[in-house]
C-alpha atoms as a PDB file:
ATOM      1  CA  MET A   1     112.334  87.611  91.607  1.00  0.00           C
ATOM      2  CA  ARG A   2     111.902  91.109  91.551  1.00  0.00           C
ATOM      3  CA  ASN A   3     108.884  93.133  90.360  1.00  0.00           C
ATOM      4  CA  GLY A   4     110.813  95.775  89.346  1.00  0.00           C
ATOM      5  CA  VAL A   5     110.624  97.251  92.938  1.00  0.00           C
ATOM      6  CA  TYR A   6     110.664  94.843  95.215  1.00  0.00           C
ATOM      7  CA  ALA A   7     111.992  91.168  95.388  1.00  0.00           C
ATOM      8  CA  ALA A   8     109.466  88.625  96.060  1.00  0.00           C
ATOM      9  CA  ASP A   9     109.246  84.249  95.964  1.00  0.00           C
ATOM     10  CA  PRO A  10     106.945  83.489  93.492  1.00  0.00           C
ATOM     11  CA  ASP A  11     107.846  79.688  94.742  1.00  0.00           C
ATOM     12  CA  GLY A  12     106.582  80.458  98.550  1.00  0.00           C
ATOM     13  CA  ALA A  13     104.620  77.732 100.118  1.00  0.00           C
ATOM     14  CA  PRO A  14     100.774  78.636 100.510  1.00  0.00           C
ATOM     15  CA  ASP A  15      99.139  80.106 103.526  1.00  0.00           C
ATOM     16  CA  SER A  16      97.474  76.574 104.129  1.00  0.00           C
ATOM     17  CA  GLU A  17     100.946  75.167 105.681  1.00  0.00           C
ATOM     18  CA  PHE A  18     100.476  78.149 108.180  1.00  0.00           C
ATOM     19  CA  GLU A  19      98.074  79.245 110.907  1.00  0.00           C
ATOM     20  CA  PRO A  20      97.213  82.812 112.398  1.00  0.00           C
ATOM     21  CA  GLY A  21     100.098  84.406 114.768  1.00  0.00           C
ATOM     22  CA  ALA A  22      99.169  84.667 118.111  1.00  0.00           C
ATOM     23  CA  LEU A  23     100.836  84.817 121.502  1.00  0.00           C
ATOM     24  CA  ARG A  24     101.386  81.297 122.238  1.00  0.00           C
ATOM     25  CA  HIS A  25     104.070  81.378 119.226  1.00  0.00           C
ATOM     26  CA  LEU A  26     106.108  83.566 120.151  1.00  0.00           C
ATOM     27  CA  VAL A  27     108.859  81.391 121.323  1.00  0.00           C
ATOM     28  CA  PRO A  28     112.705  82.142 120.112  1.00  0.00           C
ATOM     29  CA  GLY A  29     113.421  79.841 116.996  1.00  0.00           C
ATOM     30  CA  ASN A  30     110.265  79.834 115.611  1.00  0.00           C
ATOM     31  CA  SER A  31     109.916  80.489 111.976  1.00  0.00           C
ATOM     32  CA  GLY A  32     106.854  82.586 110.612  1.00  0.00           C
ATOM     33  CA  ARG A  33     105.750  84.966 107.747  1.00  0.00           C
ATOM     34  CA  LEU A  34     104.548  88.656 107.553  1.00  0.00           C
ATOM     35  CA  LEU A  35     101.331  89.014 106.423  1.00  0.00           C
ATOM     36  CA  ASP A  36     102.140  91.291 103.087  1.00  0.00           C
ATOM     37  CA  ALA A  37     101.881  90.720  99.760  1.00  0.00           C
ATOM     38  CA  ARG A  38     105.043  88.873  99.530  1.00  0.00           C
ATOM     39  CA  ARG A  39     104.614  86.871 102.794  1.00  0.00           C
ATOM     40  CA  THR A  40     108.268  87.933 104.438  1.00  0.00           C
ATOM     41  CA  PRO A  41     109.813  85.058 105.871  1.00  0.00           C
ATOM     42  CA  ILE A  42     110.573  86.114 109.915  1.00  0.00           C
ATOM     43  CA  THR A  43     112.310  83.894 112.722  1.00  0.00           C
ATOM     44  CA  ILE A  44     111.580  84.763 116.550  1.00  0.00           C
ATOM     45  CA  THR A  45     114.885  85.818 118.288  1.00  0.00           C
ATOM     46  CA  ALA A  46     113.911  87.090 121.452  1.00  0.00           C
ATOM     47  CA  VAL A  47     110.615  88.029 123.802  1.00  0.00           C
ATOM     48  CA  HIS A  48     110.857  90.718 127.016  1.00  0.00           C
ATOM     49  CA  PRO A  49     107.613  90.897 128.747  1.00  0.00           C
ATOM     50  CA  THR A  50     108.707  93.660 130.746  1.00  0.00           C
ATOM     51  CA  ARG A  51     108.588  95.766 127.711  1.00  0.00           C
ATOM     52  CA  GLY A  52     105.718  94.529 125.960  1.00  0.00           C
ATOM     53  CA  ALA A  53     108.008  92.945 122.761  1.00  0.00           C
ATOM     54  CA  PHE A  54     109.389  90.619 120.863  1.00  0.00           C
ATOM     55  CA  GLU A  55     112.289  90.776 118.571  1.00  0.00           C
ATOM     56  CA  LEU A  56     112.246  88.921 115.178  1.00  0.00           C
ATOM     57  CA  GLU A  57     114.752  88.775 112.302  1.00  0.00           C
ATOM     58  CA  ILE A  58     114.039  88.960 108.730  1.00  0.00           C
ATOM     59  CA  GLY A  59     115.008  86.145 106.860  1.00  0.00           C
ATOM     60  CA  ALA A  60     114.739  87.137 102.850  1.00  0.00           C
ATOM     61  CA  PHE A  61     114.452  90.327 100.455  1.00  0.00           C
ATOM     62  CA  GLU A  62     115.604  93.536 100.685  1.00  0.00           C
ATOM     63  CA  ASP A  63     115.716  93.760 104.669  1.00  0.00           C
ATOM     64  CA  ALA A  64     117.409  90.023 105.157  1.00  0.00           C
ATOM     65  CA  GLY A  65     119.197  90.090 108.504  1.00  0.00           C
ATOM     66  CA  ALA A  66     117.533  93.366 109.910  1.00  0.00           C
ATOM     67  CA  ARG A  67     115.864  93.109 113.338  1.00  0.00           C
ATOM     68  CA  TRP A  68     112.450  94.286 114.508  1.00  0.00           C
ATOM     69  CA  GLU A  69     111.490  94.550 117.989  1.00  0.00           C
ATOM     70  CA  LEU A  70     107.435  95.163 117.880  1.00  0.00           C
ATOM     71  CA  PRO A  71     104.865  95.207 120.333  1.00  0.00           C
ATOM     72  CA  LEU A  72     103.679  91.626 121.230  1.00  0.00           C
ATOM     73  CA  ASP A  73     100.448  92.350 120.065  1.00  0.00           C
ATOM     74  CA  GLN A  74     101.705  93.127 116.872  1.00  0.00           C
ATOM     75  CA  VAL A  75     101.981  88.743 116.389  1.00  0.00           C
ATOM     76  CA  GLU A  76      98.920  89.051 114.573  1.00  0.00           C
ATOM     77  CA  ARG A  77     100.603  90.795 111.886  1.00  0.00           C
ATOM     78  CA  PHE A  78     102.096  87.154 111.377  1.00  0.00           C
ATOM     79  CA  GLN A  79     101.723  83.367 110.172  1.00  0.00           C
ATOM     80  CA  PHE A  80     103.551  80.524 111.865  1.00  0.00           C
ATOM     81  CA  ALA A  81     104.094  77.146 110.420  1.00  0.00           C
ATOM     82  CA  ARG A  82     102.021  74.549 111.446  1.00  0.00           C
ATOM     83  CA  GLY A  83     104.029  72.309 114.166  1.00  0.00           C
ATOM     84  CA  ALA A  84     105.750  75.294 115.356  1.00  0.00           C
ATOM     85  CA  GLN A  85     106.566  74.906 119.228  1.00  0.00           C
ATOM     86  CA  LEU A  86     104.182  76.525 121.318  1.00  0.00           C
ATOM     87  CA  ALA A  87     104.857  78.434 124.710  1.00  0.00           C
ATOM     88  CA  GLY A  88     103.275  77.025 127.751  1.00  0.00           C
ATOM     89  CA  ALA A  89     100.150  78.716 129.589  1.00  0.00           C
ATOM     90  CA  GLY A  90     102.080  80.502 132.120  1.00  0.00           C
ATOM     91  CA  ASN A  91     104.342  82.169 129.233  1.00  0.00           C
ATOM     92  CA  VAL A  92     101.408  82.844 127.559  1.00  0.00           C
ATOM     93  CA  ALA A  93      99.405  84.450 130.264  1.00  0.00           C
ATOM     94  CA  GLU A  94     102.784  86.417 131.560  1.00  0.00           C
ATOM     95  CA  LEU A  95     102.582  87.873 127.712  1.00  0.00           C
ATOM     96  CA  ALA A  96      98.853  88.221 128.026  1.00  0.00           C
ATOM     97  CA  ARG A  97      99.335  90.855 131.022  1.00  0.00           C
ATOM     98  CA  ALA A  98     102.357  92.379 129.653  1.00  0.00           C
ATOM     99  CA  VAL A  99      99.846  93.396 126.684  1.00  0.00           C
ATOM    100  CA  GLU A 100      97.089  94.481 128.875  1.00  0.00           C
ATOM    101  CA  ARG A 101      99.571  96.617 131.004  1.00  0.00           C
ATOM    102  CA  PHE A 102     100.657  98.891 127.881  1.00  0.00           C
ATOM    103  CA  ASP A 103      97.650  99.100 126.281  1.00  0.00           C
ATOM    104  CA  ARG A 104      97.102 102.445 127.264  1.00  0.00           C
ATOM    105  CA  GLU A 105      96.412 105.536 124.676  1.00  0.00           C
ATOM    106  CA  LEU A 106      98.886 108.230 124.843  1.00  0.00           C
ATOM    107  CA  THR A 107      97.189 111.656 123.372  1.00  0.00           C
ATOM    108  CA  MET A 108      99.280 114.797 122.929  1.00  0.00           C
ATOM    109  CA  ASP A 109      97.806 118.089 121.737  1.00  0.00           C
ATOM    110  CA  CYS A 110      99.580 120.946 120.172  1.00  0.00           C
ATOM    111  CA  ASP A 111     100.333 124.441 121.566  1.00  0.00           C
ATOM    112  CA  PRO A 112      99.984 127.166 119.177  1.00  0.00           C
ATOM    113  CA  ALA A 113     102.297 129.059 121.044  1.00  0.00           C
ATOM    114  CA  ALA A 114     104.872 125.733 121.078  1.00  0.00           C
ATOM    115  CA  ARG A 115     104.273 125.690 116.836  1.00  0.00           C
ATOM    116  CA  ARG A 116     104.980 129.345 116.568  1.00  0.00           C
ATOM    117  CA  GLU A 117     108.199 128.820 118.291  1.00  0.00           C
ATOM    118  CA  ALA A 118     108.926 125.759 116.564  1.00  0.00           C
ATOM    119  CA  LEU A 119     108.379 127.558 113.591  1.00  0.00           C
ATOM    120  CA  MET A 120     110.334 130.188 113.793  1.00  0.00           C
ATOM    121  CA  ARG A 121     113.633 128.066 114.638  1.00  0.00           C
ATOM    122  CA  ILE A 122     112.837 125.948 111.696  1.00  0.00           C
ATOM    123  CA  ALA A 123     112.829 129.115 109.064  1.00  0.00           C
ATOM    124  CA  ASP A 124     115.902 130.349 111.093  1.00  0.00           C
ATOM    125  CA  GLU A 125     118.038 126.833 110.198  1.00  0.00           C
ATOM    126  CA  GLN A 126     116.589 127.078 106.873  1.00  0.00           C
ATOM    127  CA  ALA A 127     117.737 130.391 105.914  1.00  0.00           C
ATOM    128  CA  ALA A 128     121.673 129.495 107.741  1.00  0.00           C
ATOM    129  CA  LEU A 129     121.665 126.074 105.764  1.00  0.00           C
ATOM    130  CA  ARG A 130     119.965 127.497 102.687  1.00  0.00           C
ATOM    131  CA  GLU A 131     123.679 129.107 102.728  1.00  0.00           C
ATOM    132  CA  ARG A 132     125.704 125.953 103.137  1.00  0.00           C
ATOM    133  CA  LEU A 133     123.968 124.131 101.022  1.00  0.00           C
ATOM    134  CA  SER A 134     124.167 126.610  97.756  1.00  0.00           C
ATOM    135  CA  ASP A 135     127.397 125.565  96.535  1.00  0.00           C
ATOM    136  CA  GLU A 136     126.501 121.716  97.077  1.00  0.00           C
ATOM    137  CA  ALA A 137     123.052 121.790  95.392  1.00  0.00           C
ATOM    138  CA  ALA A 138     123.470 124.006  92.613  1.00  0.00           C
ATOM    139  CA  GLY A 139     124.132 121.592  89.614  1.00  0.00           C
ATOM    140  CA  ALA A 140     124.263 118.979  92.167  1.00  0.00           C
ATOM    141  CA  VAL A 141     120.624 116.930  91.472  1.00  0.00           C
ATOM    142  CA  ASP A 142     118.890 116.188  88.434  1.00  0.00           C
ATOM    143  CA  LEU A 143     115.515 115.512  90.430  1.00  0.00           C
ATOM    144  CA  ALA A 144     113.592 113.877  87.507  1.00  0.00           C
ATOM    145  CA  ARG A 145     116.657 111.692  86.860  1.00  0.00           C
ATOM    146  CA  CYS A 146     116.965 110.807  90.705  1.00  0.00           C
ATOM    147  CA  ILE A 147     113.047 109.856  90.713  1.00  0.00           C
ATOM    148  CA  ASP A 148     113.446 107.705  87.481  1.00  0.00           C
ATOM    149  CA  GLN A 149     116.419 106.226  88.610  1.00  0.00           C
ATOM    150  CA  ARG A 150     115.149 105.800  92.260  1.00  0.00           C
ATOM    151  CA  SER A 151     118.648 106.995  93.874  1.00  0.00           C
ATOM    152  CA  GLY A 152     119.708 110.149  95.623  1.00  0.00           C
ATOM    153  CA  VAL A 153     123.308 112.170  95.731  1.00  0.00           C
ATOM    154  CA  GLU A 154     126.241 111.187  97.142  1.00  0.00           C
ATOM    155  CA  ARG A 155     127.580 114.692  97.733  1.00  0.00           C
ATOM    156  CA  LEU A 156     124.373 115.288  99.858  1.00  0.00           C
ATOM    157  CA  PHE A 157     124.886 112.499 102.040  1.00  0.00           C
ATOM    158  CA  GLY A 158     127.888 113.229 102.744  1.00  0.00           C
ATOM    159  CA  LEU A 159     127.037 117.297 103.546  1.00  0.00           C
ATOM    160  CA  LEU A 160     123.807 116.137 105.627  1.00  0.00           C
ATOM    161  CA  GLU A 161     126.249 113.601 107.875  1.00  0.00           C
ATOM    162  CA  GLU A 162     128.236 116.867 108.024  1.00  0.00           C
ATOM    163  CA  VAL A 163     125.518 118.888 109.412  1.00  0.00           C
ATOM    164  CA  MET A 164     123.869 116.628 111.669  1.00  0.00           C
ATOM    165  CA  ALA A 165     127.818 115.797 113.525  1.00  0.00           C
ATOM    166  CA  ASP A 166     127.731 119.582 113.740  1.00  0.00           C
ATOM    167  CA  TYR A 167     124.473 119.666 115.520  1.00  0.00           C
ATOM    168  CA  GLY A 168     126.126 117.248 117.605  1.00  0.00           C
ATOM    169  CA  VAL A 169     122.618 114.710 116.796  1.00  0.00           C
ATOM    170  CA  ALA A 170     124.686 112.701 113.786  1.00  0.00           C
ATOM    171  CA  GLU A 171     123.562 109.586 115.880  1.00  0.00           C
ATOM    172  CA  LEU A 172     120.139 110.508 116.040  1.00  0.00           C
ATOM    173  CA  GLU A 173     120.208 110.987 112.769  1.00  0.00           C
ATOM    174  CA  ARG A 174     121.270 107.354 111.726  1.00  0.00           C
ATOM    175  CA  ARG A 175     119.111 105.340 114.454  1.00  0.00           C
ATOM    176  CA  PHE A 176     115.925 107.498 113.017  1.00  0.00           C
ATOM    177  CA  SER A 177     116.199 107.160 109.528  1.00  0.00           C
ATOM    178  CA  THR A 178     117.755 103.505 109.406  1.00  0.00           C
ATOM    179  CA  THR A 179     114.633 102.455 111.490  1.00  0.00           C
ATOM    180  CA  PHE A 180     112.129 104.175 109.434  1.00  0.00           C
ATOM    181  CA  VAL A 181     113.357 102.749 106.012  1.00  0.00           C
ATOM    182  CA  SER A 182     112.850  99.003 107.810  1.00  0.00           C
ATOM    183  CA  ASN A 183     110.453  99.369 110.050  1.00  0.00           C
ATOM    184  CA  PRO A 184     109.063 102.857 112.310  1.00  0.00           C
ATOM    185  CA  ALA A 185     107.215 100.575 114.567  1.00  0.00           C
ATOM    186  CA  SER A 186     110.759  98.819 115.182  1.00  0.00           C
ATOM    187  CA  GLY A 187     111.588  99.425 118.986  1.00  0.00           C
ATOM    188  CA  GLU A 188     110.451 103.160 120.314  1.00  0.00           C
ATOM    189  CA  VAL A 189     113.091 105.268 118.301  1.00  0.00           C
ATOM    190  CA  VAL A 190     110.214 107.028 115.897  1.00  0.00           C
ATOM    191  CA  LYS A 191     107.588 107.082 119.018  1.00  0.00           C
ATOM    192  CA  GLY A 192     110.124 108.924 120.761  1.00  0.00           C
ATOM    193  CA  HIS A 193     110.564 111.470 118.002  1.00  0.00           C
ATOM    194  CA  ALA A 194     106.840 111.495 117.411  1.00  0.00           C
ATOM    195  CA  ILE A 195     106.271 112.531 121.115  1.00  0.00           C
ATOM    196  CA  VAL A 196     109.091 115.404 120.923  1.00  0.00           C
ATOM    197  CA  LEU A 197     106.953 116.415 117.857  1.00  0.00           C
ATOM    198  CA  ALA A 198     103.622 116.854 118.898  1.00  0.00           C
ATOM    199  CA  GLU A 199     105.071 119.045 122.373  1.00  0.00           C
ATOM    200  CA  LEU A 200     107.422 121.007 119.654  1.00  0.00           C
ATOM    201  CA  GLY A 201     103.464 121.943 118.624  1.00  0.00           C
ATOM    202  CA  LEU A 202     103.972 119.954 115.077  1.00  0.00           C
ATOM    203  CA  CYS A 203     101.604 117.541 114.974  1.00  0.00           C
ATOM    204  CA  PRO A 204      99.302 115.803 117.922  1.00  0.00           C
ATOM    205  CA  PHE A 205     100.553 112.503 119.047  1.00  0.00           C
ATOM    206  CA  ARG A 206      97.826 109.707 119.032  1.00  0.00           C
ATOM    207  CA  GLY A 207      99.281 106.158 119.867  1.00  0.00           C
ATOM    208  CA  LYS A 208     100.415 103.793 122.605  1.00  0.00           C
ATOM    209  CA  VAL A 209     102.042 104.867 125.993  1.00  0.00           C
ATOM    210  CA  VAL A 210     105.892 104.653 125.984  1.00  0.00           C
ATOM    211  CA  ARG A 211     107.098 100.732 126.849  1.00  0.00           C
ATOM    212  CA  ASP A 212     110.796 101.494 126.944  1.00  0.00           C
ATOM    213  CA  PRO A 213     111.457 103.584 130.275  1.00  0.00           C
ATOM    214  CA  ARG A 214     115.013 104.904 129.319  1.00  0.00           C
ATOM    215  CA  LEU A 215     113.192 106.104 125.652  1.00  0.00           C
ATOM    216  CA  PHE A 216     114.851 109.511 126.872  1.00  0.00           C
ATOM    217  CA  ASP A 217     117.529 109.044 128.561  1.00  0.00           C
ATOM    218  CA  GLU A 218     121.065 110.464 127.133  1.00  0.00           C
ATOM    219  CA  PRO A 219     121.892 110.958 124.508  1.00  0.00           C
ATOM    220  CA  TRP A 220     118.421 110.485 123.424  1.00  0.00           C
ATOM    221  CA  THR A 221     116.768 113.402 125.231  1.00  0.00           C
ATOM    222  CA  LYS A 222     113.804 115.297 124.244  1.00  0.00           C
ATOM    223  CA  ALA A 223     115.940 118.232 123.670  1.00  0.00           C
ATOM    224  CA  ARG A 224     118.596 116.429 121.568  1.00  0.00           C
ATOM    225  CA  ARG A 225     115.220 114.925 119.324  1.00  0.00           C
ATOM    226  CA  ALA A 226     114.417 118.501 119.157  1.00  0.00           C
ATOM    227  CA  GLN A 227     117.006 119.794 117.585  1.00  0.00           C
ATOM    228  CA  HIS A 228     117.320 116.918 115.320  1.00  0.00           C
ATOM    229  CA  LEU A 229     114.233 117.520 114.021  1.00  0.00           C
ATOM    230  CA  VAL A 230     114.254 121.262 113.953  1.00  0.00           C
ATOM    231  CA  ALA A 231     117.386 120.895 111.998  1.00  0.00           C
ATOM    232  CA  ARG A 232     116.477 118.166 109.717  1.00  0.00           C
ATOM    233  CA  LEU A 233     113.373 120.189 108.700  1.00  0.00           C
ATOM    234  CA  GLY A 234     115.299 122.937 108.098  1.00  0.00           C
ATOM    235  CA  PHE A 235     117.777 121.165 105.934  1.00  0.00           C
ATOM    236  CA  THR A 236     115.059 119.345 103.428  1.00  0.00           C
ATOM    237  CA  GLN A 237     113.401 122.604 103.318  1.00  0.00           C
ATOM    238  CA  ALA A 238     116.633 124.558 102.480  1.00  0.00           C
ATOM    239  CA  LEU A 239     117.531 122.065  99.992  1.00  0.00           C
ATOM    240  CA  TRP A 240     114.180 121.867  97.961  1.00  0.00           C
ATOM    241  CA  SER A 241     114.123 125.709  98.054  1.00  0.00           C
ATOM    242  CA  LEU A 242     116.974 125.831  96.470  1.00  0.00           C
ATOM    243  CA  LEU A 243     115.878 123.346  93.450  1.00  0.00           C
ATOM    244  CA  GLY A 244     113.145 125.919  92.970  1.00  0.00           C
ATOM    245  CA  GLU A 245     110.217 123.668  94.405  1.00  0.00           C
ATOM    246  CA  THR A 246     107.230 124.871  97.209  1.00  0.00           C
ATOM    247  CA  SER A 247     106.070 121.026  96.573  1.00  0.00           C
ATOM    248  CA  ALA A 248     106.522 117.846  95.707  1.00  0.00           C
ATOM    249  CA  VAL A 249     103.990 115.407  93.888  1.00  0.00           C
ATOM    250  CA  LEU A 250     104.267 112.709  95.916  1.00  0.00           C
ATOM    251  CA  TYR A 251     102.154 108.823  95.741  1.00  0.00           C
ATOM    252  CA  ARG A 252     100.916 106.050  98.017  1.00  0.00           C
ATOM    253  CA  GLY A 253      99.648 103.391  97.239  1.00  0.00           C
ATOM    254  CA  ALA A 254      97.995 100.285  99.620  1.00  0.00           C
ATOM    255  CA  ALA A 255      96.444  97.036  99.281  1.00  0.00           C
ATOM    256  CA  THR A 256      94.888  94.439 101.720  1.00  0.00           C
ATOM    257  CA  ASP A 257      93.454  91.233 102.208  1.00  0.00           C
ATOM    258  CA  GLY A 258      90.772  92.509 103.954  1.00  0.00           C
ATOM    259  CA  SER A 259      88.258  95.892 103.546  1.00  0.00           C
ATOM    260  CA  LEU A 260      89.702  99.224 103.718  1.00  0.00           C
ATOM    261  CA  THR A 261      90.009 100.825 106.846  1.00  0.00           C
ATOM    262  CA  GLU A 262      90.042 104.429 107.669  1.00  0.00           C
ATOM    263  CA  PRO A 263      93.457 105.161 108.373  1.00  0.00           C
ATOM    264  CA  SER A 264      95.050 106.034 111.894  1.00  0.00           C
ATOM    265  CA  PRO A 265      96.491 108.912 112.971  1.00  0.00           C
ATOM    266  CA  SER A 266     100.533 109.248 112.400  1.00  0.00           C
ATOM    267  CA  SER A 267     103.057 111.796 113.229  1.00  0.00           C
ATOM    268  CA  PHE A 268     105.573 110.797 110.345  1.00  0.00           C
ATOM    269  CA  VAL A 269     103.821 109.614 106.763  1.00  0.00           C
ATOM    270  CA  SER A 270     106.043 107.326 104.388  1.00  0.00           C
ATOM    271  CA  ALA A 271     105.337 108.775 100.488  1.00  0.00           C
ATOM    272  CA  THR A 272     107.126 108.366  97.352  1.00  0.00           C
ATOM    273  CA  LEU A 273     107.941 110.426  94.587  1.00  0.00           C
ATOM    274  CA  SER A 274     107.630 107.261  92.050  1.00  0.00           C
ATOM    275  CA  ARG A 275     105.006 106.403  90.905  1.00  0.00           C
ATOM    276  CA  GLU A 276     106.257 103.375  89.641  1.00  0.00           C
ATOM    277  CA  VAL A 277     107.082 102.608  93.749  1.00  0.00           C
ATOM    278  CA  ALA A 278     103.383 103.083  94.408  1.00  0.00           C
ATOM    279  CA  MET A 279     102.373 100.917  92.072  1.00  0.00           C
ATOM    280  CA  ALA A 280     103.900  98.177  93.593  1.00  0.00           C
ATOM    281  CA  HIS A 281     102.238  98.596  96.682  1.00  0.00           C
ATOM    282  CA  PHE A 282      99.150  99.040  94.968  1.00  0.00           C
ATOM    283  CA  GLU A 283      99.336  96.076  93.088  1.00  0.00           C
ATOM    284  CA  GLY A 284      99.063  93.760  96.104  1.00  0.00           C
ATOM    285  CA  GLY A 285      99.396  89.885  95.988  1.00  0.00           C
ATOM    286  CA  PRO A 286      97.739  86.724  95.522  1.00  0.00           C
ATOM    287  CA  THR A 287      95.252  87.407  98.128  1.00  0.00           C
ATOM    288  CA  THR A 288      94.655  91.161  97.508  1.00  0.00           C
ATOM    289  CA  ARG A 289      91.064  92.227  97.875  1.00  0.00           C
ATOM    290  CA  VAL A 290      91.099  96.348  97.725  1.00  0.00           C
ATOM    291  CA  ALA A 291      93.876  98.356  96.420  1.00  0.00           C
ATOM    292  CA  VAL A 292      94.130 102.066  96.532  1.00  0.00           C
ATOM    293  CA  LEU A 293      96.335 104.661  94.864  1.00  0.00           C
ATOM    294  CA  TRP A 294      96.971 108.607  96.264  1.00  0.00           C
ATOM    295  CA  ARG A 295      98.776 111.091  94.333  1.00  0.00           C
ATOM    296  CA  GLN A 296      99.034 115.163  96.093  1.00  0.00           C
ATOM    297  CA  HIS A 297     101.266 118.215  96.103  1.00  0.00           C
ATOM    298  CA  VAL A 298     102.598 118.372  98.936  1.00  0.00           C
ATOM    299  CA  PRO A 299     104.212 121.318 100.592  1.00  0.00           C
ATOM    300  CA  VAL A 300     107.583 121.310 100.900  1.00  0.00           C
ATOM    301  CA  ALA A 301     107.272 122.502 104.533  1.00  0.00           C
ATOM    302  CA  ARG A 302     105.629 119.308 105.734  1.00  0.00           C
ATOM    303  CA  LEU A 303     108.723 117.129 104.198  1.00  0.00           C
ATOM    304  CA  LEU A 304     111.118 115.927 107.084  1.00  0.00           C
ATOM    305  CA  MET A 305     113.688 114.039 105.222  1.00  0.00           C
ATOM    306  CA  THR A 306     113.858 112.425 101.376  1.00  0.00           C
ATOM    307  CA  PHE A 307     115.675 110.200  99.729  1.00  0.00           C
ATOM    308  CA  LEU A 308     117.642 112.908  97.496  1.00  0.00           C
ATOM    309  CA  GLU A 309     119.945 113.573 101.045  1.00  0.00           C
ATOM    310  CA  THR A 310     119.391 110.217 102.847  1.00  0.00           C
ATOM    311  CA  ARG A 311     121.784 107.473 102.980  1.00  0.00           C
ATOM    312  CA  ALA A 312     119.496 105.166 104.670  1.00  0.00           C
ATOM    313  CA  MET A 313     116.930 105.614 102.122  1.00  0.00           C
ATOM    314  CA  ASN A 314     119.236 104.714  99.148  1.00  0.00           C
ATOM    315  CA  ASP A 315     120.880 101.442 100.769  1.00  0.00           C
ATOM    316  CA  ARG A 316     118.971  98.294 101.566  1.00  0.00           C
ATOM    317  CA  PHE A 317     115.905 100.024  99.197  1.00  0.00           C
ATOM    318  CA  ARG A 318     115.060 101.927  96.311  1.00  0.00           C
ATOM    319  CA  GLU A 319     111.876 103.607  97.291  1.00  0.00           C
ATOM    320  CA  ALA A 320     112.211 107.452  96.168  1.00  0.00           C
ATOM    321  CA  GLU A 321     110.535 108.108  99.576  1.00  0.00           C
ATOM    322  CA  ALA A 322     109.978 110.829 101.653  1.00  0.00           C
ATOM    323  CA  VAL A 323     108.989 111.079 105.422  1.00  0.00           C
ATOM    324  CA  LEU A 324     106.149 114.070 105.903  1.00  0.00           C
ATOM    325  CA  ILE A 325     105.381 115.305 109.028  1.00  0.00           C
ATOM    326  CA  GLY A 326     101.804 114.143 110.028  1.00  0.00           C
ATOM    327  CA  ASP A 327      98.566 116.616 109.334  1.00  0.00           C
ATOM    328  CA  PRO A 328      95.599 115.567 111.057  1.00  0.00           C
ATOM    329  CA  ALA A 329      93.248 116.774 108.492  1.00  0.00           C
ATOM    330  CA  ASN A 330      94.898 115.059 105.463  1.00  0.00           C
ATOM    331  CA  ARG A 331      93.476 111.570 105.078  1.00  0.00           C
ATOM    332  CA  ALA A 332      95.921 110.255 102.351  1.00  0.00           C
ATOM    333  CA  PHE A 333      98.978 112.077 103.149  1.00  0.00           C
END
């Protein structure tokens, strides 16, 4: 069943048949549900104490079959079937030690000089890519129609893939975009980009220490990640410039079963160009207590990627999504 945007299960079991997730539930094979509005079903597939993470598989809806790797402490975002197998005391203690080991803050502020250099690089890329995009973009994009249908442009998908291949970052583009669309917190691909974004001076980083010691090994080096970010910003800004847009009208919707909390700082912000999508988030579920809806004109300079040119944003989900570079001064976007 669909609410117009997202699939859902109207006959899902009540919460009373489940119990709150805890480390003892992290046993491969255990079934549970994400504590989202539609109670997305999941199965634990692996547990990795050495890097403080567990892996799960999504069992239904648009992202069925996707695998997520999440920090151990995020088990509290799930509920598990009563009678599920429980880990032994020794395993639980090992997992608790892993949580403590990685529960350390990593903060990185921005260097104004690095920011100026990065902005010059992005401007150079935008100018070069605007010339390359001009023929492709002319007449290829009916923005209002794309937003209404929540569908991007195949010609732009192909052109972006060609450009990313020319820069030697095609695999980075694929991994970053598919991970972000499914779950930005899965693994540390997005975190690696967020750290490099701070080194470029474009957005401070506020998060946890790196769990994967190979995060910046070839081919995922900081230099290559920086190239991807700069080229991607240049491409998106060139495209929107050719569309005659200096800002994008974006929406965000949120619903919670508890009280509304202060938003956490984020290096990348997900929003939508579709009010319908934001309203689907705003509507929440049967246990929702608080819901909010935001709308704002956001400068094109903050657009990293949008559904118009990003194939991954048109495969499983149709959310008319846009990913922004974070702005610590903006509490909603």
